[in-house]
């Protein structure tokens, strides 16, 4: 029993450190968004897209943005997973998982039309 308790404690500690080591970096996300030229399509502040069929990104939930970016990278598209957009697939191909987390954190931190959800509470 002591061995099991010690193993569980060690696993919990390892998970805590792993989570802290991979926390999203908003500043790095901002740098990546600027480097990627996201405003060219999604507009200044990422909430003024140049075309009505391009989404407003500012203020979206971080988890939604992260998973959407990951889906553009999916090699095997299925009806349930993946997003088929050649432009976005090309844009996100250069980024690793941590970069996508950083990008999502930065975009989620922006205040745009979609940010109203936090003011309602």
PDB file of N, CA and C in Angstrom:
ATOM      1  N   UNK A   1       0.819  -1.185   0.000  1.00  0.00           N
ATOM      2  CA  UNK A   1       0.000   0.000   0.000  1.00  0.00           C
ATOM      3  C   UNK A   1       0.863   1.249   0.000  1.00  0.00           C
ATOM      4  N   UNK A   2       1.966   1.235   0.783  1.00  0.00           N
ATOM      5  CA  UNK A   2       2.857   2.388   0.826  1.00  0.00           C
ATOM      6  C   UNK A   2       3.486   2.647  -0.534  1.00  0.00           C
ATOM      7  N   UNK A   3       3.806   1.553  -1.229  1.00  0.00           N
ATOM      8  CA  UNK A   3       4.419   1.663  -2.545  1.00  0.00           C
ATOM      9  C   UNK A   3       3.441   2.317  -3.534  1.00  0.00           C
ATOM     10  N   UNK A   4       2.186   1.923  -3.482  1.00  0.00           N
ATOM     11  CA  UNK A   4       1.154   2.485  -4.350  1.00  0.00           C
ATOM     12  C   UNK A   4       0.962   3.972  -4.057  1.00  0.00           C
ATOM     13  N   UNK A   5       0.914   4.336  -2.788  1.00  0.00           N
ATOM     14  CA  UNK A   5       0.754   5.733  -2.401  1.00  0.00           C
ATOM     15  C   UNK A   5       1.939   6.563  -2.880  1.00  0.00           C
ATOM     16  N   UNK A   6       3.136   6.042  -2.721  1.00  0.00           N
ATOM     17  CA  UNK A   6       4.338   6.750  -3.174  1.00  0.00           C
ATOM     18  C   UNK A   6       4.331   6.894  -4.691  1.00  0.00           C
ATOM     19  N   UNK A   7       3.890   5.862  -5.406  1.00  0.00           N
ATOM     20  CA  UNK A   7       3.831   5.926  -6.870  1.00  0.00           C
ATOM     21  C   UNK A   7       2.813   6.960  -7.330  1.00  0.00           C
ATOM     22  N   UNK A   8       1.663   7.007  -6.668  1.00  0.00           N
ATOM     23  CA  UNK A   8       0.637   7.989  -7.025  1.00  0.00           C
ATOM     24  C   UNK A   8       1.120   9.407  -6.746  1.00  0.00           C
ATOM     25  N   UNK A   9       1.810   9.592  -5.634  1.00  0.00           N
ATOM     26  CA  UNK A   9       2.331  10.912  -5.301  1.00  0.00           C
ATOM     27  C   UNK A   9       3.377  11.351  -6.331  1.00  0.00           C
ATOM     28  N   UNK A  10       4.227  10.437  -6.735  1.00  0.00           N
ATOM     29  CA  UNK A  10       5.248  10.749  -7.737  1.00  0.00           C
ATOM     30  C   UNK A  10       4.612  11.091  -9.075  1.00  0.00           C
ATOM     31  N   UNK A  11       3.579  10.348  -9.439  1.00  0.00           N
ATOM     32  CA  UNK A  11       2.888  10.621 -10.702  1.00  0.00           C
ATOM     33  C   UNK A  11       2.202  11.982 -10.668  1.00  0.00           C
ATOM     34  N   UNK A  12       1.576  12.317  -9.552  1.00  0.00           N
ATOM     35  CA  UNK A  12       0.909  13.616  -9.424  1.00  0.00           C
ATOM     36  C   UNK A  12       1.915  14.756  -9.508  1.00  0.00           C
ATOM     37  N   UNK A  13       3.059  14.585  -8.884  1.00  0.00           N
ATOM     38  CA  UNK A  13       4.110  15.605  -8.938  1.00  0.00           C
ATOM     39  C   UNK A  13       4.621  15.772 -10.363  1.00  0.00           C
ATOM     40  N   UNK A  14       4.839  14.674 -11.047  1.00  0.00           N
ATOM     41  CA  UNK A  14       5.329  14.730 -12.430  1.00  0.00           C
ATOM     42  C   UNK A  14       4.324  15.444 -13.328  1.00  0.00           C
ATOM     43  N   UNK A  15       3.053  15.156 -13.144  1.00  0.00           N
ATOM     44  CA  UNK A  15       2.018  15.828 -13.943  1.00  0.00           C
ATOM     45  C   UNK A  15       1.965  17.317 -13.654  1.00  0.00           C
ATOM     46  N   UNK A  16       2.133  17.694 -12.408  1.00  0.00           N
ATOM     47  CA  UNK A  16       2.112  19.116 -12.053  1.00  0.00           C
ATOM     48  C   UNK A  16       3.264  19.850 -12.726  1.00  0.00           C
ATOM     49  N   UNK A  17       4.456  19.255 -12.694  1.00  0.00           N
ATOM     50  CA  UNK A  17       5.602  19.881 -13.343  1.00  0.00           C
ATOM     51  C   UNK A  17       5.448  19.901 -14.858  1.00  0.00           C
ATOM     52  N   UNK A  18       4.902  18.851 -15.423  1.00  0.00           N
ATOM     53  CA  UNK A  18       4.704  18.806 -16.874  1.00  0.00           C
ATOM     54  C   UNK A  18       3.740  19.888 -17.315  1.00  0.00           C
ATOM     55  N   UNK A  19       2.676  20.091 -16.563  1.00  0.00           N
ATOM     56  CA  UNK A  19       1.712  21.137 -16.899  1.00  0.00           C
ATOM     57  C   UNK A  19       2.335  22.513 -16.818  1.00  0.00           C
ATOM     58  N   UNK A  20       3.144  22.752 -15.805  1.00  0.00           N
ATOM     59  CA  UNK A  20       3.785  24.062 -15.647  1.00  0.00           C
ATOM     60  C   UNK A  20       4.815  24.295 -16.742  1.00  0.00           C
ATOM     61  N   UNK A  21       5.494  23.258 -17.154  1.00  0.00           N
ATOM     62  CA  UNK A  21       6.526  23.400 -18.172  1.00  0.00           C
ATOM     63  C   UNK A  21       5.934  23.721 -19.538  1.00  0.00           C
ATOM     64  N   UNK A  22       4.677  23.383 -19.747  1.00  0.00           N
ATOM     65  CA  UNK A  22       4.056  23.588 -21.049  1.00  0.00           C
ATOM     66  C   UNK A  22       2.944  24.637 -21.019  1.00  0.00           C
ATOM     67  N   UNK A  23       3.000  25.512 -20.030  1.00  0.00           N
ATOM     68  CA  UNK A  23       1.991  26.570 -19.969  1.00  0.00           C
ATOM     69  C   UNK A  23       2.142  27.467 -21.188  1.00  0.00           C
ATOM     70  N   UNK A  24       1.024  27.977 -21.657  1.00  0.00           N
ATOM     71  CA  UNK A  24       1.034  28.835 -22.838  1.00  0.00           C
ATOM     72  C   UNK A  24       1.701  30.170 -22.532  1.00  0.00           C
ATOM     73  N   UNK A  25       2.429  30.677 -23.508  1.00  0.00           N
ATOM     74  CA  UNK A  25       3.153  31.939 -23.395  1.00  0.00           C
ATOM     75  C   UNK A  25       2.493  32.960 -24.332  1.00  0.00           C
ATOM     76  N   UNK A  26       1.737  33.874 -23.764  1.00  0.00           N
ATOM     77  CA  UNK A  26       0.988  34.848 -24.560  1.00  0.00           C
ATOM     78  C   UNK A  26       1.919  35.726 -25.386  1.00  0.00           C
ATOM     79  N   UNK A  27       3.033  36.149 -24.805  1.00  0.00           N
ATOM     80  CA  UNK A  27       3.990  37.016 -25.529  1.00  0.00           C
ATOM     81  C   UNK A  27       4.562  36.283 -26.745  1.00  0.00           C
ATOM     82  N   UNK A  28       4.931  35.017 -26.556  1.00  0.00           N
ATOM     83  CA  UNK A  28       5.447  34.233 -27.683  1.00  0.00           C
ATOM     84  C   UNK A  28       4.347  34.046 -28.726  1.00  0.00           C
ATOM     85  N   UNK A  29       3.116  33.840 -28.273  1.00  0.00           N
ATOM     86  CA  UNK A  29       1.983  33.714 -29.194  1.00  0.00           C
ATOM     87  C   UNK A  29       1.808  34.966 -30.035  1.00  0.00           C
ATOM     88  N   UNK A  30       1.964  36.127 -29.410  1.00  0.00           N
ATOM     89  CA  UNK A  30       1.861  37.398 -30.147  1.00  0.00           C
ATOM     90  C   UNK A  30       2.945  37.482 -31.219  1.00  0.00           C
ATOM     91  N   UNK A  31       4.157  37.089 -30.855  1.00  0.00           N
ATOM     92  CA  UNK A  31       5.262  37.103 -31.824  1.00  0.00           C
ATOM     93  C   UNK A  31       4.974  36.171 -32.998  1.00  0.00           C
ATOM     94  N   UNK A  32       4.445  34.989 -32.712  1.00  0.00           N
ATOM     95  CA  UNK A  32       4.142  34.025 -33.769  1.00  0.00           C
ATOM     96  C   UNK A  32       3.007  34.514 -34.670  1.00  0.00           C
ATOM     97  N   UNK A  33       1.996  35.143 -34.083  1.00  0.00           N
ATOM     98  CA  UNK A  33       0.883  35.692 -34.869  1.00  0.00           C
ATOM     99  C   UNK A  33       1.396  36.796 -35.793  1.00  0.00           C
ATOM    100  N   UNK A  34       2.256  37.656 -35.261  1.00  0.00           N
ATOM    101  CA  UNK A  34       2.818  38.734 -36.086  1.00  0.00           C
ATOM    102  C   UNK A  34       3.714  38.174 -37.191  1.00  0.00           C
ATOM    103  N   UNK A  35       4.539  37.197 -36.836  1.00  0.00           N
ATOM    104  CA  UNK A  35       5.422  36.553 -37.823  1.00  0.00           C
ATOM    105  C   UNK A  35       4.611  35.856 -38.912  1.00  0.00           C
ATOM    106  N   UNK A  36       3.511  35.231 -38.517  1.00  0.00           N
ATOM    107  CA  UNK A  36       2.672  34.492 -39.462  1.00  0.00           C
ATOM    108  C   UNK A  36       1.814  35.374 -40.348  1.00  0.00           C
ATOM    109  N   UNK A  37       1.706  36.653 -39.997  1.00  0.00           N
ATOM    110  CA  UNK A  37       0.915  37.563 -40.818  1.00  0.00           C
ATOM    111  C   UNK A  37      -0.584  37.306 -40.751  1.00  0.00           C
ATOM    112  N   UNK A  38      -1.060  36.866 -39.618  1.00  0.00           N
ATOM    113  CA  UNK A  38      -2.477  36.514 -39.458  1.00  0.00           C
ATOM    114  C   UNK A  38      -3.418  37.685 -39.754  1.00  0.00           C
ATOM    115  N   UNK A  39      -2.940  38.917 -39.523  1.00  0.00           N
ATOM    116  CA  UNK A  39      -3.809  40.078 -39.752  1.00  0.00           C
ATOM    117  C   UNK A  39      -4.120  40.272 -41.233  1.00  0.00           C
ATOM    118  N   UNK A  40      -3.329  39.670 -42.109  1.00  0.00           N
ATOM    119  CA  UNK A  40      -3.580  39.813 -43.548  1.00  0.00           C
ATOM    120  C   UNK A  40      -4.973  39.312 -43.923  1.00  0.00           C
ATOM    121  N   UNK A  41      -5.445  38.294 -43.246  1.00  0.00           N
ATOM    122  CA  UNK A  41      -6.785  37.752 -43.530  1.00  0.00           C
ATOM    123  C   UNK A  41      -7.789  38.062 -42.418  1.00  0.00           C
ATOM    124  N   UNK A  42      -7.327  37.988 -41.162  1.00  0.00           N
ATOM    125  CA  UNK A  42      -8.237  38.128 -40.036  1.00  0.00           C
ATOM    126  C   UNK A  42      -8.350  39.567 -39.537  1.00  0.00           C
ATOM    127  N   UNK A  43      -7.563  40.473 -40.110  1.00  0.00           N
ATOM    128  CA  UNK A  43      -7.666  41.891 -39.817  1.00  0.00           C
ATOM    129  C   UNK A  43      -6.957  42.327 -38.546  1.00  0.00           C
ATOM    130  N   UNK A  44      -6.846  43.639 -38.402  1.00  0.00           N
ATOM    131  CA  UNK A  44      -6.212  44.222 -37.224  1.00  0.00           C
ATOM    132  C   UNK A  44      -6.952  43.779 -35.977  1.00  0.00           C
ATOM    133  N   UNK A  45      -6.207  43.365 -34.970  1.00  0.00           N
ATOM    134  CA  UNK A  45      -6.825  42.884 -33.742  1.00  0.00           C
ATOM    135  C   UNK A  45      -7.454  41.510 -33.884  1.00  0.00           C
ATOM    136  N   UNK A  46      -7.325  40.916 -35.048  1.00  0.00           N
ATOM    137  CA  UNK A  46      -7.870  39.593 -35.372  1.00  0.00           C
ATOM    138  C   UNK A  46      -9.387  39.527 -35.180  1.00  0.00           C
ATOM    139  N   UNK A  47     -10.050  40.685 -35.309  1.00  0.00           N
ATOM    140  CA  UNK A  47     -11.509  40.698 -35.219  1.00  0.00           C
ATOM    141  C   UNK A  47     -12.154  41.510 -36.340  1.00  0.00           C
ATOM    142  N   UNK A  48     -11.382  41.744 -37.410  1.00  0.00           N
ATOM    143  CA  UNK A  48     -11.903  42.470 -38.569  1.00  0.00           C
ATOM    144  C   UNK A  48     -11.464  41.758 -39.856  1.00  0.00           C
ATOM    145  N   UNK A  49     -12.022  40.564 -40.106  1.00  0.00           N
ATOM    146  CA  UNK A  49     -11.581  39.790 -41.266  1.00  0.00           C
ATOM    147  C   UNK A  49     -11.832  40.540 -42.574  1.00  0.00           C
ATOM    148  N   UNK A  50     -10.992  40.245 -43.569  1.00  0.00           N
ATOM    149  CA  UNK A  50     -11.091  40.938 -44.854  1.00  0.00           C
ATOM    150  C   UNK A  50     -12.233  40.408 -45.714  1.00  0.00           C
ATOM    151  N   UNK A  51     -12.762  39.268 -45.371  1.00  0.00           N
ATOM    152  CA  UNK A  51     -13.881  38.670 -46.111  1.00  0.00           C
ATOM    153  C   UNK A  51     -14.902  38.141 -45.104  1.00  0.00           C
ATOM    154  N   UNK A  52     -16.180  38.195 -45.452  1.00  0.00           N
ATOM    155  CA  UNK A  52     -17.203  37.756 -44.497  1.00  0.00           C
ATOM    156  C   UNK A  52     -17.140  36.272 -44.139  1.00  0.00           C
ATOM    157  N   UNK A  53     -16.517  35.466 -44.972  1.00  0.00           N
ATOM    158  CA  UNK A  53     -16.429  34.039 -44.656  1.00  0.00           C
ATOM    159  C   UNK A  53     -15.181  33.693 -43.825  1.00  0.00           C
ATOM    160  N   UNK A  54     -14.351  34.683 -43.492  1.00  0.00           N
ATOM    161  CA  UNK A  54     -13.206  34.464 -42.602  1.00  0.00           C
ATOM    162  C   UNK A  54     -13.666  34.752 -41.175  1.00  0.00           C
ATOM    163  N   UNK A  55     -13.270  33.925 -40.221  1.00  0.00           N
ATOM    164  CA  UNK A  55     -13.777  34.119 -38.862  1.00  0.00           C
ATOM    165  C   UNK A  55     -13.092  35.248 -38.094  1.00  0.00           C
ATOM    166  N   UNK A  56     -13.852  35.817 -37.160  1.00  0.00           N
ATOM    167  CA  UNK A  56     -13.287  36.708 -36.158  1.00  0.00           C
ATOM    168  C   UNK A  56     -12.659  35.797 -35.115  1.00  0.00           C
ATOM    169  N   UNK A  57     -11.426  36.068 -34.756  1.00  0.00           N
ATOM    170  CA  UNK A  57     -10.724  35.183 -33.834  1.00  0.00           C
ATOM    171  C   UNK A  57     -10.608  35.747 -32.421  1.00  0.00           C
ATOM    172  N   UNK A  58     -10.413  37.048 -32.288  1.00  0.00           N
ATOM    173  CA  UNK A  58     -10.179  37.670 -30.980  1.00  0.00           C
ATOM    174  C   UNK A  58     -11.297  37.317 -30.014  1.00  0.00           C
ATOM    175  N   UNK A  59     -10.897  36.833 -28.846  1.00  0.00           N
ATOM    176  CA  UNK A  59     -11.865  36.526 -27.807  1.00  0.00           C
ATOM    177  C   UNK A  59     -12.443  35.126 -27.842  1.00  0.00           C
ATOM    178  N   UNK A  60     -12.092  34.332 -28.849  1.00  0.00           N
ATOM    179  CA  UNK A  60     -12.546  32.936 -28.868  1.00  0.00           C
ATOM    180  C   UNK A  60     -11.897  32.205 -27.695  1.00  0.00           C
ATOM    181  N   UNK A  61     -12.490  31.118 -27.274  1.00  0.00           N
ATOM    182  CA  UNK A  61     -11.909  30.321 -26.206  1.00  0.00           C
ATOM    183  C   UNK A  61     -10.584  29.722 -26.652  1.00  0.00           C
ATOM    184  N   UNK A  62      -9.609  29.727 -25.740  1.00  0.00           N
ATOM    185  CA  UNK A  62      -8.281  29.206 -26.041  1.00  0.00           C
ATOM    186  C   UNK A  62      -8.328  27.750 -26.481  1.00  0.00           C
ATOM    187  N   UNK A  63      -9.100  26.938 -25.799  1.00  0.00           N
ATOM    188  CA  UNK A  63      -9.155  25.507 -26.147  1.00  0.00           C
ATOM    189  C   UNK A  63      -9.728  25.314 -27.547  1.00  0.00           C
ATOM    190  N   UNK A  64     -10.736  26.094 -27.901  1.00  0.00           N
ATOM    191  CA  UNK A  64     -11.315  26.007 -29.248  1.00  0.00           C
ATOM    192  C   UNK A  64     -10.271  26.379 -30.299  1.00  0.00           C
ATOM    193  N   UNK A  65      -9.580  27.482 -30.080  1.00  0.00           N
ATOM    194  CA  UNK A  65      -8.569  27.934 -31.046  1.00  0.00           C
ATOM    195  C   UNK A  65      -7.458  26.901 -31.204  1.00  0.00           C
ATOM    196  N   UNK A  66      -6.979  26.366 -30.086  1.00  0.00           N
ATOM    197  CA  UNK A  66      -5.912  25.371 -30.138  1.00  0.00           C
ATOM    198  C   UNK A  66      -6.332  24.146 -30.946  1.00  0.00           C
ATOM    199  N   UNK A  67      -7.517  23.620 -30.655  1.00  0.00           N
ATOM    200  CA  UNK A  67      -7.962  22.416 -31.362  1.00  0.00           C
ATOM    201  C   UNK A  67      -8.249  22.698 -32.839  1.00  0.00           C
ATOM    202  N   UNK A  68      -8.744  23.882 -33.142  1.00  0.00           N
ATOM    203  CA  UNK A  68      -8.963  24.238 -34.548  1.00  0.00           C
ATOM    204  C   UNK A  68      -7.630  24.286 -35.291  1.00  0.00           C
ATOM    205  N   UNK A  69      -6.619  24.905 -34.676  1.00  0.00           N
ATOM    206  CA  UNK A  69      -5.300  24.971 -35.313  1.00  0.00           C
ATOM    207  C   UNK A  69      -4.719  23.570 -35.501  1.00  0.00           C
ATOM    208  N   UNK A  70      -4.875  22.723 -34.508  1.00  0.00           N
ATOM    209  CA  UNK A  70      -4.392  21.342 -34.623  1.00  0.00           C
ATOM    210  C   UNK A  70      -5.082  20.607 -35.763  1.00  0.00           C
ATOM    211  N   UNK A  71      -6.369  20.852 -35.932  1.00  0.00           N
ATOM    212  CA  UNK A  71      -7.106  20.156 -36.983  1.00  0.00           C
ATOM    213  C   UNK A  71      -6.626  20.559 -38.373  1.00  0.00           C
ATOM    214  N   UNK A  72      -6.155  21.783 -38.530  1.00  0.00           N
ATOM    215  CA  UNK A  72      -5.591  22.180 -39.818  1.00  0.00           C
ATOM    216  C   UNK A  72      -4.304  21.410 -40.112  1.00  0.00           C
ATOM    217  N   UNK A  73      -3.634  20.942 -39.077  1.00  0.00           N
ATOM    218  CA  UNK A  73      -2.401  20.164 -39.252  1.00  0.00           C
ATOM    219  C   UNK A  73      -2.662  18.674 -39.467  1.00  0.00           C
ATOM    220  N   UNK A  74      -3.877  18.222 -39.251  1.00  0.00           N
ATOM    221  CA  UNK A  74      -4.187  16.792 -39.317  1.00  0.00           C
ATOM    222  C   UNK A  74      -3.830  16.214 -40.683  1.00  0.00           C
ATOM    223  N   UNK A  75      -3.044  15.172 -40.673  1.00  0.00           N
ATOM    224  CA  UNK A  75      -2.631  14.496 -41.914  1.00  0.00           C
ATOM    225  C   UNK A  75      -3.762  13.651 -42.488  1.00  0.00           C
ATOM    226  N   UNK A  76      -4.552  13.064 -41.606  1.00  0.00           N
ATOM    227  CA  UNK A  76      -5.627  12.180 -42.031  1.00  0.00           C
ATOM    228  C   UNK A  76      -6.963  12.818 -41.669  1.00  0.00           C
ATOM    229  N   UNK A  77      -7.530  13.522 -42.613  1.00  0.00           N
ATOM    230  CA  UNK A  77      -8.820  14.172 -42.408  1.00  0.00           C
ATOM    231  C   UNK A  77      -9.931  13.120 -42.407  1.00  0.00           C
ATOM    232  N   UNK A  78     -10.873  13.281 -41.495  1.00  0.00           N
ATOM    233  CA  UNK A  78     -12.050  12.411 -41.449  1.00  0.00           C
ATOM    234  C   UNK A  78     -13.279  13.315 -41.347  1.00  0.00           C
ATOM    235  N   UNK A  79     -14.462  12.771 -41.517  1.00  0.00           N
ATOM    236  CA  UNK A  79     -15.656  13.605 -41.349  1.00  0.00           C
ATOM    237  C   UNK A  79     -15.798  14.174 -39.934  1.00  0.00           C
ATOM    238  N   UNK A  80     -15.147  13.548 -38.950  1.00  0.00           N
ATOM    239  CA  UNK A  80     -15.257  14.001 -37.573  1.00  0.00           C
ATOM    240  C   UNK A  80     -14.058  14.809 -37.093  1.00  0.00           C
ATOM    241  N   UNK A  81     -12.940  14.734 -37.795  1.00  0.00           N
ATOM    242  CA  UNK A  81     -11.750  15.442 -37.334  1.00  0.00           C
ATOM    243  C   UNK A  81     -10.974  15.980 -38.522  1.00  0.00           C
ATOM    244  N   UNK A  82     -10.587  17.210 -38.414  1.00  0.00           N
ATOM    245  CA  UNK A  82      -9.790  17.842 -39.447  1.00  0.00           C
ATOM    246  C   UNK A  82     -10.537  19.011 -40.055  1.00  0.00           C
ATOM    247  N   UNK A  83      -9.778  19.936 -40.558  1.00  0.00           N
ATOM    248  CA  UNK A  83     -10.329  21.103 -41.244  1.00  0.00           C
ATOM    249  C   UNK A  83      -9.614  21.214 -42.567  1.00  0.00           C
ATOM    250  N   UNK A  84     -10.372  21.257 -43.621  1.00  0.00           N
ATOM    251  CA  UNK A  84      -9.813  21.237 -44.959  1.00  0.00           C
ATOM    252  C   UNK A  84      -9.777  22.658 -45.524  1.00  0.00           C
ATOM    253  N   UNK A  85      -8.662  23.345 -45.301  1.00  0.00           N
ATOM    254  CA  UNK A  85      -8.449  24.679 -45.833  1.00  0.00           C
ATOM    255  C   UNK A  85      -6.976  24.787 -46.175  1.00  0.00           C
ATOM    256  N   UNK A  86      -6.675  24.855 -47.452  1.00  0.00           N
ATOM    257  CA  UNK A  86      -5.286  24.825 -47.911  1.00  0.00           C
ATOM    258  C   UNK A  86      -4.468  25.988 -47.352  1.00  0.00           C
ATOM    259  N   UNK A  87      -5.058  27.157 -47.265  1.00  0.00           N
ATOM    260  CA  UNK A  87      -4.317  28.320 -46.762  1.00  0.00           C
ATOM    261  C   UNK A  87      -3.946  28.115 -45.298  1.00  0.00           C
ATOM    262  N   UNK A  88      -4.926  27.773 -44.481  1.00  0.00           N
ATOM    263  CA  UNK A  88      -4.646  27.587 -43.054  1.00  0.00           C
ATOM    264  C   UNK A  88      -3.748  26.375 -42.808  1.00  0.00           C
ATOM    265  N   UNK A  89      -3.937  25.329 -43.563  1.00  0.00           N
ATOM    266  CA  UNK A  89      -3.069  24.150 -43.405  1.00  0.00           C
ATOM    267  C   UNK A  89      -1.622  24.518 -43.672  1.00  0.00           C
ATOM    268  N   UNK A  90      -1.404  25.319 -44.692  1.00  0.00           N
ATOM    269  CA  UNK A  90      -0.051  25.774 -44.999  1.00  0.00           C
ATOM    270  C   UNK A  90       0.519  26.693 -43.936  1.00  0.00           C
ATOM    271  N   UNK A  91      -0.334  27.548 -43.405  1.00  0.00           N
ATOM    272  CA  UNK A  91       0.117  28.504 -42.386  1.00  0.00           C
ATOM    273  C   UNK A  91       0.544  27.800 -41.100  1.00  0.00           C
ATOM    274  N   UNK A  92      -0.216  26.812 -40.651  1.00  0.00           N
ATOM    275  CA  UNK A  92       0.082  26.184 -39.360  1.00  0.00           C
ATOM    276  C   UNK A  92       1.065  25.022 -39.456  1.00  0.00           C
ATOM    277  N   UNK A  93       1.419  24.625 -40.657  1.00  0.00           N
ATOM    278  CA  UNK A  93       2.325  23.482 -40.827  1.00  0.00           C
ATOM    279  C   UNK A  93       3.675  23.710 -40.152  1.00  0.00           C
ATOM    280  N   UNK A  94       4.092  24.949 -40.060  1.00  0.00           N
ATOM    281  CA  UNK A  94       5.409  25.276 -39.505  1.00  0.00           C
ATOM    282  C   UNK A  94       5.465  25.239 -37.973  1.00  0.00           C
ATOM    283  N   UNK A  95       4.322  25.147 -37.323  1.00  0.00           N
ATOM    284  CA  UNK A  95       4.286  25.278 -35.869  1.00  0.00           C
ATOM    285  C   UNK A  95       4.185  23.933 -35.168  1.00  0.00           C
ATOM    286  N   UNK A  96       4.818  23.859 -33.984  1.00  0.00           N
ATOM    287  CA  UNK A  96       4.687  22.666 -33.154  1.00  0.00           C
ATOM    288  C   UNK A  96       3.527  22.866 -32.176  1.00  0.00           C
ATOM    289  N   UNK A  97       3.254  21.861 -31.368  1.00  0.00           N
ATOM    290  CA  UNK A  97       2.121  21.899 -30.450  1.00  0.00           C
ATOM    291  C   UNK A  97       2.227  23.060 -29.469  1.00  0.00           C
ATOM    292  N   UNK A  98       3.418  23.309 -28.929  1.00  0.00           N
ATOM    293  CA  UNK A  98       3.587  24.415 -27.981  1.00  0.00           C
ATOM    294  C   UNK A  98       3.332  25.753 -28.663  1.00  0.00           C
ATOM    295  N   UNK A  99       3.795  25.900 -29.900  1.00  0.00           N
ATOM    296  CA  UNK A  99       3.522  27.134 -30.647  1.00  0.00           C
ATOM    297  C   UNK A  99       2.016  27.352 -30.796  1.00  0.00           C
ATOM    298  N   UNK A 100       1.295  26.294 -31.121  1.00  0.00           N
ATOM    299  CA  UNK A 100      -0.159  26.407 -31.279  1.00  0.00           C
ATOM    300  C   UNK A 100      -0.822  26.805 -29.963  1.00  0.00           C
ATOM    301  N   UNK A 101      -0.331  26.264 -28.850  1.00  0.00           N
ATOM    302  CA  UNK A 101      -0.854  26.649 -27.536  1.00  0.00           C
ATOM    303  C   UNK A 101      -0.609  28.137 -27.282  1.00  0.00           C
ATOM    304  N   UNK A 102       0.594  28.598 -27.627  1.00  0.00           N
ATOM    305  CA  UNK A 102       0.956  30.006 -27.417  1.00  0.00           C
ATOM    306  C   UNK A 102       0.099  30.920 -28.294  1.00  0.00           C
ATOM    307  N   UNK A 103      -0.085  30.543 -29.536  1.00  0.00           N
ATOM    308  CA  UNK A 103      -0.908  31.325 -30.464  1.00  0.00           C
ATOM    309  C   UNK A 103      -2.343  31.400 -29.950  1.00  0.00           C
ATOM    310  N   UNK A 104      -2.873  30.265 -29.541  1.00  0.00           N
ATOM    311  CA  UNK A 104      -4.254  30.222 -29.042  1.00  0.00           C
ATOM    312  C   UNK A 104      -4.413  31.079 -27.792  1.00  0.00           C
ATOM    313  N   UNK A 105      -3.430  31.042 -26.899  1.00  0.00           N
ATOM    314  CA  UNK A 105      -3.501  31.846 -25.670  1.00  0.00           C
ATOM    315  C   UNK A 105      -3.490  33.335 -26.002  1.00  0.00           C
ATOM    316  N   UNK A 106      -2.646  33.730 -26.936  1.00  0.00           N
ATOM    317  CA  UNK A 106      -2.592  35.142 -27.316  1.00  0.00           C
ATOM    318  C   UNK A 106      -3.913  35.600 -27.932  1.00  0.00           C
ATOM    319  N   UNK A 107      -4.414  34.845 -28.886  1.00  0.00           N
ATOM    320  CA  UNK A 107      -5.651  35.242 -29.568  1.00  0.00           C
ATOM    321  C   UNK A 107      -6.823  35.284 -28.581  1.00  0.00           C
ATOM    322  N   UNK A 108      -6.871  34.326 -27.667  1.00  0.00           N
ATOM    323  CA  UNK A 108      -7.947  34.305 -26.664  1.00  0.00           C
ATOM    324  C   UNK A 108      -7.865  35.511 -25.733  1.00  0.00           C
ATOM    325  N   UNK A 109      -6.663  36.055 -25.553  1.00  0.00           N
ATOM    326  CA  UNK A 109      -6.497  37.202 -24.653  1.00  0.00           C
ATOM    327  C   UNK A 109      -6.954  38.516 -25.279  1.00  0.00           C
ATOM    328  N   UNK A 110      -7.154  38.531 -26.588  1.00  0.00           N
ATOM    329  CA  UNK A 110      -7.564  39.750 -27.283  1.00  0.00           C
ATOM    330  C   UNK A 110      -9.040  40.035 -27.039  1.00  0.00           C
ATOM    331  N   UNK A 111      -9.356  41.300 -26.934  1.00  0.00           N
ATOM    332  CA  UNK A 111     -10.764  41.692 -26.771  1.00  0.00           C
ATOM    333  C   UNK A 111     -11.320  42.075 -28.122  1.00  0.00           C
ATOM    334  N   UNK A 112     -12.370  41.407 -28.479  1.00  0.00           N
ATOM    335  CA  UNK A 112     -13.064  41.681 -29.729  1.00  0.00           C
ATOM    336  C   UNK A 112     -14.551  41.520 -29.492  1.00  0.00           C
ATOM    337  N   UNK A 113     -15.322  41.481 -30.557  1.00  0.00           N
ATOM    338  CA  UNK A 113     -16.775  41.312 -30.434  1.00  0.00           C
ATOM    339  C   UNK A 113     -17.138  40.060 -29.639  1.00  0.00           C
ATOM    340  N   UNK A 114     -16.326  39.025 -29.762  1.00  0.00           N
ATOM    341  CA  UNK A 114     -16.627  37.752 -29.108  1.00  0.00           C
ATOM    342  C   UNK A 114     -16.280  37.754 -27.629  1.00  0.00           C
ATOM    343  N   UNK A 115     -15.566  38.778 -27.181  1.00  0.00           N
ATOM    344  CA  UNK A 115     -15.125  38.851 -25.783  1.00  0.00           C
ATOM    345  C   UNK A 115     -16.280  39.200 -24.848  1.00  0.00           C
ATOM    346  N   UNK A 116     -17.414  39.593 -25.377  1.00  0.00           N
ATOM    347  CA  UNK A 116     -18.578  39.992 -24.589  1.00  0.00           C
ATOM    348  C   UNK A 116     -18.976  38.907 -23.600  1.00  0.00           C
ATOM    349  N   UNK A 117     -18.688  37.659 -23.912  1.00  0.00           N
ATOM    350  CA  UNK A 117     -19.101  36.549 -23.045  1.00  0.00           C
ATOM    351  C   UNK A 117     -18.621  36.736 -21.609  1.00  0.00           C
ATOM    352  N   UNK A 118     -17.438  37.338 -21.405  1.00  0.00           N
ATOM    353  CA  UNK A 118     -16.906  37.533 -20.051  1.00  0.00           C
ATOM    354  C   UNK A 118     -17.585  38.697 -19.347  1.00  0.00           C
ATOM    355  N   UNK A 119     -18.108  39.636 -20.063  1.00  0.00           N
ATOM    356  CA  UNK A 119     -18.762  40.785 -19.457  1.00  0.00           C
ATOM    357  C   UNK A 119     -20.174  40.441 -18.991  1.00  0.00           C
ATOM    358  N   UNK A 120     -20.719  39.345 -19.473  1.00  0.00           N
ATOM    359  CA  UNK A 120     -22.082  38.964 -19.131  1.00  0.00           C
ATOM    360  C   UNK A 120     -22.164  38.306 -17.762  1.00  0.00           C
ATOM    361  N   UNK A 121     -21.044  37.893 -17.206  1.00  0.00           N
ATOM    362  CA  UNK A 121     -21.055  37.155 -15.916  1.00  0.00           C
ATOM    363  C   UNK A 121     -20.858  38.079 -14.763  1.00  0.00           C
TER     364      UNK A 121
END
